[in-house]
C-alpha atoms as a PDB file:
ATOM      1  CA  PHE A   1      88.179  93.763 123.463  1.00  0.00           C
ATOM      2  CA  LEU A   2      88.176  90.275 121.953  1.00  0.00           C
ATOM      3  CA  ALA A   3      84.415  90.015 121.436  1.00  0.00           C
ATOM      4  CA  PRO A   4      84.311  92.027 118.170  1.00  0.00           C
ATOM      5  CA  CYS A   5      87.253  90.052 116.793  1.00  0.00           C
ATOM      6  CA  GLN A   6      85.752  86.731 117.757  1.00  0.00           C
ATOM      7  CA  SER A   7      82.362  87.573 116.245  1.00  0.00           C
ATOM      8  CA  SER A   8      83.960  88.876 113.028  1.00  0.00           C
ATOM      9  CA  ILE A   9      86.088  85.811 112.446  1.00  0.00           C
ATOM     10  CA  TRP A  10      82.979  83.666 111.993  1.00  0.00           C
ATOM     11  CA  HIS A  11      81.925  85.813 109.030  1.00  0.00           C
ATOM     12  CA  ILE A  12      85.273  86.257 107.332  1.00  0.00           C
ATOM     13  CA  ASP A  13      84.676  83.644 104.627  1.00  0.00           C
ATOM     14  CA  LYS A  14      81.358  85.254 103.721  1.00  0.00           C
ATOM     15  CA  GLU A  15      82.941  88.725 103.651  1.00  0.00           C
ATOM     16  CA  ASN A  16      85.904  87.555 101.565  1.00  0.00           C
ATOM     17  CA  LYS A  17      83.579  85.803  99.106  1.00  0.00           C
ATOM     18  CA  ARG A  18      81.448  88.947  98.698  1.00  0.00           C
ATOM     19  CA  ARG A  19      84.514  91.108  97.980  1.00  0.00           C
ATOM     20  CA  GLN A  20      85.791  88.556  95.472  1.00  0.00           C
ATOM     21  CA  GLU A  21      82.405  88.432  93.718  1.00  0.00           C
ATOM     22  CA  ASN A  22      82.134  92.212  93.672  1.00  0.00           C
ATOM     23  CA  VAL A  23      85.613  92.669  92.232  1.00  0.00           C
ATOM     24  CA  GLU A  24      84.971  90.036  89.562  1.00  0.00           C
ATOM     25  CA  TYR A  25      81.744  91.845  88.638  1.00  0.00           C
ATOM     26  CA  LEU A  26      83.624  95.149  88.284  1.00  0.00           C
ATOM     27  CA  LYS A  27      86.463  93.594  86.289  1.00  0.00           C
ATOM     28  CA  GLU A  28      84.050  91.873  83.900  1.00  0.00           C
ATOM     29  CA  ASN A  29      81.890  94.947  83.403  1.00  0.00           C
ATOM     30  CA  LEU A  30      84.709  97.487  83.116  1.00  0.00           C
ATOM     31  CA  SER A  31      87.028  95.411  80.938  1.00  0.00           C
ATOM     32  CA  ASP A  32      85.974  97.276  77.777  1.00  0.00           C
ATOM     33  CA  ILE A  33      87.473 100.509  79.130  1.00  0.00           C
ATOM     34  CA  LYS A  34      90.982 100.176  77.756  1.00  0.00           C
ATOM     35  CA  ALA A  35      92.426 102.925  79.975  1.00  0.00           C
ATOM     36  CA  LEU A  36      91.821 100.821  83.099  1.00  0.00           C
ATOM     37  CA  GLU A  37      94.115  98.054  84.255  1.00  0.00           C
ATOM     38  CA  PHE A  38      93.256  95.608  87.014  1.00  0.00           C
ATOM     39  CA  GLN A  39      95.411  93.502  89.277  1.00  0.00           C
ATOM     40  CA  LYS A  40      96.482  90.229  87.733  1.00  0.00           C
ATOM     41  CA  ILE A  41      96.230  87.397  90.201  1.00  0.00           C
ATOM     42  CA  PRO A  42      98.164  84.192  89.407  1.00  0.00           C
ATOM     43  CA  LYS A  43      95.909  81.172  88.895  1.00  0.00           C
ATOM     44  CA  ASP A  44      97.378  79.380  91.909  1.00  0.00           C
ATOM     45  CA  ARG A  45      96.632  82.338  94.251  1.00  0.00           C
ATOM     46  CA  THR A  46      93.561  83.711  95.980  1.00  0.00           C
ATOM     47  CA  HIS A  47      93.010  87.419  96.613  1.00  0.00           C
ATOM     48  CA  VAL A  48      90.451  88.609  99.163  1.00  0.00           C
ATOM     49  CA  TYR A  49      90.556  92.236  97.925  1.00  0.00           C
ATOM     50  CA  TYR A  50      90.734  94.133 101.144  1.00  0.00           C
ATOM     51  CA  LEU A  51      91.702  96.836  98.654  1.00  0.00           C
ATOM     52  CA  PHE A  52      91.047  96.710  94.933  1.00  0.00           C
ATOM     53  CA  ARG A  53      93.581  98.819  93.056  1.00  0.00           C
ATOM     54  CA  ILE A  54      92.782 100.164  89.581  1.00  0.00           C
ATOM     55  CA  LYS A  55      95.551 101.624  87.428  1.00  0.00           C
ATOM     56  CA  VAL A  56      94.929 104.130  84.665  1.00  0.00           C
ATOM     57  CA  ASP A  57      96.771 104.473  81.377  1.00  0.00           C
ATOM     58  CA  PRO A  58      95.354 107.294  79.256  1.00  0.00           C
ATOM     59  CA  SER A  59      97.683 106.481  76.370  1.00  0.00           C
ATOM     60  CA  LYS A  60      95.663 103.302  75.751  1.00  0.00           C
ATOM     61  CA  ILE A  61      92.754 105.479  74.606  1.00  0.00           C
ATOM     62  CA  GLY A  62      94.890 107.898  72.632  1.00  0.00           C
ATOM     63  CA  LEU A  63      95.187 110.649  75.231  1.00  0.00           C
ATOM     64  CA  ASP A  64      98.389 112.633  75.522  1.00  0.00           C
ATOM     65  CA  ILE A  65      98.222 113.458  79.227  1.00  0.00           C
ATOM     66  CA  ASP A  66     100.373 112.479  82.171  1.00  0.00           C
ATOM     67  CA  ALA A  67      98.891 109.342  83.785  1.00  0.00           C
ATOM     68  CA  LYS A  68      98.989 110.858  87.286  1.00  0.00           C
ATOM     69  CA  GLU A  69      97.190 113.983  86.098  1.00  0.00           C
ATOM     70  CA  PHE A  70      94.597 111.831  84.335  1.00  0.00           C
ATOM     71  CA  ARG A  71      94.108 109.668  87.436  1.00  0.00           C
ATOM     72  CA  MET A  72      93.567 112.791  89.526  1.00  0.00           C
ATOM     73  CA  LYS A  73      90.918 114.120  87.123  1.00  0.00           C
ATOM     74  CA  LEU A  74      89.134 110.802  86.729  1.00  0.00           C
ATOM     75  CA  GLN A  75      89.206 110.135  90.457  1.00  0.00           C
ATOM     76  CA  ARG A  76      87.564 113.491  91.238  1.00  0.00           C
ATOM     77  CA  ALA A  77      84.901 112.942  88.585  1.00  0.00           C
ATOM     78  CA  LEU A  78      84.129 109.460  89.933  1.00  0.00           C
ATOM     79  CA  GLN A  79      83.939 110.735  93.500  1.00  0.00           C
ATOM     80  CA  ALA A  80      81.622 113.572  92.435  1.00  0.00           C
ATOM     81  CA  GLU A  81      79.249 110.875  91.122  1.00  0.00           C
ATOM     82  CA  GLY A  82      79.377 108.848  94.345  1.00  0.00           C
ATOM     83  CA  VAL A  83      81.985 106.259  93.378  1.00  0.00           C
ATOM     84  CA  GLN A  84      84.471 105.288  96.031  1.00  0.00           C
ATOM     85  CA  ALA A  85      87.759 105.931  94.247  1.00  0.00           C
ATOM     86  CA  ASP A  86      90.314 106.702  96.925  1.00  0.00           C
ATOM     87  CA  GLU A  87      94.016 107.074  97.501  1.00  0.00           C
ATOM     88  CA  TRP A  88      95.283 104.619 100.077  1.00  0.00           C
ATOM     89  CA  GLN A  89      98.908 105.678 100.167  1.00  0.00           C
ATOM     90  CA  THR A  90     100.464 108.670  98.447  1.00  0.00           C
ATOM     91  CA  MET A  91     104.056 107.578  98.962  1.00  0.00           C
ATOM     92  CA  PRO A  92     105.962 104.358  99.569  1.00  0.00           C
ATOM     93  CA  VAL A  93     105.950 103.416 103.256  1.00  0.00           C
ATOM     94  CA  PRO A  94     109.700 104.196 103.624  1.00  0.00           C
ATOM     95  CA  GLY A  95     108.885 107.764 102.529  1.00  0.00           C
ATOM     96  CA  GLN A  96     106.735 108.368 105.577  1.00  0.00           C
ATOM     97  CA  GLU A  97     108.069 110.702 108.237  1.00  0.00           C
ATOM     98  CA  LEU A  98     108.649 107.894 110.738  1.00  0.00           C
ATOM     99  CA  PHE A  99     111.183 106.265 108.418  1.00  0.00           C
ATOM    100  CA  GLN A 100     112.677 109.433 106.974  1.00  0.00           C
ATOM    101  CA  LEU A 101     113.430 110.984 110.393  1.00  0.00           C
ATOM    102  CA  MET A 102     114.283 107.643 112.021  1.00  0.00           C
ATOM    103  CA  GLU A 103     113.301 109.023 115.418  1.00  0.00           C
ATOM    104  CA  GLY A 104     111.154 105.998 116.137  1.00  0.00           C
ATOM    105  CA  TYR A 105     109.277 105.964 119.387  1.00  0.00           C
ATOM    106  CA  GLY A 106     111.965 107.358 121.627  1.00  0.00           C
ATOM    107  CA  TYR A 107     115.671 108.119 121.251  1.00  0.00           C
ATOM    108  CA  GLY A 108     115.729 106.836 117.690  1.00  0.00           C
ATOM    109  CA  TYR A 109     114.679 103.336 118.647  1.00  0.00           C
ATOM    110  CA  PRO A 110     114.658 100.849 116.908  1.00  0.00           C
ATOM    111  CA  TRP A 111     117.394 102.275 114.651  1.00  0.00           C
ATOM    112  CA  THR A 112     119.696 103.055 117.590  1.00  0.00           C
ATOM    113  CA  ASP A 113     119.336  99.625 119.179  1.00  0.00           C
ATOM    114  CA  VAL A 114     122.625  97.769 119.525  1.00  0.00           C
ATOM    115  CA  HIS A 115     121.169  94.933 117.440  1.00  0.00           C
ATOM    116  CA  ALA A 116     119.947  97.204 114.635  1.00  0.00           C
ATOM    117  CA  ARG A 117     121.613  96.958 111.282  1.00  0.00           C
ATOM    118  CA  LYS A 118     123.825 100.002 110.750  1.00  0.00           C
ATOM    119  CA  GLY A 119     123.639 102.330 107.774  1.00  0.00           C
ATOM    120  CA  ILE A 120     119.929 101.942 107.054  1.00  0.00           C
ATOM    121  CA  ASN A 121     118.835 104.525 104.529  1.00  0.00           C
ATOM    122  CA  TYR A 122     115.325 104.970 103.179  1.00  0.00           C
ATOM    123  CA  ASP A 123     116.235 106.473  99.828  1.00  0.00           C
ATOM    124  CA  LEU A 124     113.022 107.074  97.884  1.00  0.00           C
ATOM    125  CA  SER A 125     114.841 106.741  94.584  1.00  0.00           C
ATOM    126  CA  GLU A 126     114.886 103.005  95.350  1.00  0.00           C
ATOM    127  CA  TYR A 127     111.072 102.930  95.275  1.00  0.00           C
ATOM    128  CA  LYS A 128     110.329 104.462  91.868  1.00  0.00           C
ATOM    129  CA  ASN A 129     108.033 101.640  90.746  1.00  0.00           C
ATOM    130  CA  THR A 130     106.035 101.854  93.970  1.00  0.00           C
ATOM    131  CA  GLN A 131     105.689 105.624  93.656  1.00  0.00           C
ATOM    132  CA  ASN A 132     104.593 105.273  90.048  1.00  0.00           C
ATOM    133  CA  LEU A 133     101.930 102.721  90.995  1.00  0.00           C
ATOM    134  CA  LEU A 134     100.592 105.037  93.694  1.00  0.00           C
ATOM    135  CA  ASP A 135     100.589 107.991  91.288  1.00  0.00           C
ATOM    136  CA  ILE A 136      98.603 106.259  88.546  1.00  0.00           C
ATOM    137  CA  SER A 137      96.070 104.269  90.548  1.00  0.00           C
ATOM    138  CA  PHE A 138      93.265 104.492  93.064  1.00  0.00           C
ATOM    139  CA  VAL A 139      91.575 101.946  95.305  1.00  0.00           C
ATOM    140  CA  MET A 140      88.146 100.765  96.307  1.00  0.00           C
ATOM    141  CA  HIS A 141      87.550  99.091  99.644  1.00  0.00           C
ATOM    142  CA  SER A 142      84.398  99.289 101.791  1.00  0.00           C
ATOM    143  CA  ALA A 143      82.142  99.560  98.731  1.00  0.00           C
ATOM    144  CA  LEU A 144      83.204  96.013  97.907  1.00  0.00           C
ATOM    145  CA  CYS A 145      82.276  94.646 101.322  1.00  0.00           C
ATOM    146  CA  TYR A 146      79.191  92.893 102.573  1.00  0.00           C
ATOM    147  CA  PRO A 147      76.323  93.900 102.374  1.00  0.00           C
ATOM    148  CA  ASN A 148      77.107  95.914  99.217  1.00  0.00           C
ATOM    149  CA  GLY A 149      76.343  94.137  95.999  1.00  0.00           C
ATOM    150  CA  LYS A 150      75.150  94.482  92.430  1.00  0.00           C
ATOM    151  CA  LYS A 151      72.916  97.533  92.916  1.00  0.00           C
ATOM    152  CA  LEU A 152      75.824  99.709  94.048  1.00  0.00           C
ATOM    153  CA  LEU A 153      78.256  98.150  91.592  1.00  0.00           C
ATOM    154  CA  LYS A 154      75.904  98.761  88.642  1.00  0.00           C
ATOM    155  CA  HIS A 155      75.939 102.430  89.608  1.00  0.00           C
ATOM    156  CA  TYR A 156      79.746 102.310  89.683  1.00  0.00           C
ATOM    157  CA  VAL A 157      79.961 100.647  86.269  1.00  0.00           C
ATOM    158  CA  ASN A 158      77.509 103.128  84.748  1.00  0.00           C
ATOM    159  CA  THR A 159      79.477 106.019  86.231  1.00  0.00           C
ATOM    160  CA  PHE A 160      82.782 104.756  84.826  1.00  0.00           C
ATOM    161  CA  TYR A 161      81.230 104.520  81.365  1.00  0.00           C
ATOM    162  CA  LYS A 162      79.635 107.944  81.764  1.00  0.00           C
ATOM    163  CA  CYS A 163      83.056 109.408  82.588  1.00  0.00           C
ATOM    164  CA  PHE A 164      84.790 107.771  79.649  1.00  0.00           C
ATOM    165  CA  GLU A 165      81.990 108.740  77.285  1.00  0.00           C
ATOM    166  CA  SER A 166      82.474 112.340  78.447  1.00  0.00           C
ATOM    167  CA  ILE A 167      86.259 112.268  78.359  1.00  0.00           C
ATOM    168  CA  ASP A 168      86.536 115.881  77.173  1.00  0.00           C
ATOM    169  CA  GLU A 169      84.711 116.977  80.323  1.00  0.00           C
ATOM    170  CA  ILE A 170      86.918 114.783  82.495  1.00  0.00           C
ATOM    171  CA  LEU A 171      89.996 116.450  81.046  1.00  0.00           C
ATOM    172  CA  LYS A 172      88.642 119.811  82.273  1.00  0.00           C
ATOM    173  CA  VAL A 173      88.315 118.679  85.911  1.00  0.00           C
ATOM    174  CA  ASP A 174      90.143 120.955  88.323  1.00  0.00           C
ATOM    175  CA  THR A 175      92.650 118.842  90.257  1.00  0.00           C
ATOM    176  CA  SER A 176      92.980 121.492  92.974  1.00  0.00           C
ATOM    177  CA  ILE A 177      89.622 120.287  94.313  1.00  0.00           C
ATOM    178  CA  PRO A 178      90.458 118.213  97.393  1.00  0.00           C
ATOM    179  CA  LEU A 179      89.741 114.509  97.248  1.00  0.00           C
ATOM    180  CA  LYS A 180      87.273 113.070  99.708  1.00  0.00           C
ATOM    181  CA  PRO A 181      89.159 111.487 102.613  1.00  0.00           C
ATOM    182  CA  ILE A 182      88.979 107.756 103.255  1.00  0.00           C
END
């Protein structure tokens, strides 16, 4: 059980560095696409990009379309061209069935425990910003990992530009087509 963990830990710096380099390459080469917004990392922080989230804002390129609808169309077009553009979560964690039903893993535990705080309520209206972020963004993950590098990322960059250069076609994408699972 521990062997895979122990062997992986020796490579973690190399893997983190590759993801950081790959994300920087994407950010630099996609920065001209005004409808895309990337995570802003404070200068005194380091991000290892287990996930790289990309937000979309179609209004920045003059489109009058709901951002979620646009994300869904763009995401399907990118996936059709082989770009890993996935949904990681579709709702805030407190919206998941485990939290909404509060049944836990037997007799309502941990919510029924004598030490549990009383009156816990997972009201999704308290997570509007989180839901909005999930609605208007997608993530990349394993494509950023070692051994993937510039060859794959050049394809990704070219595909993003192809999509935005063919924006009228993107707007016709049928969002009832299922997304590829992670």
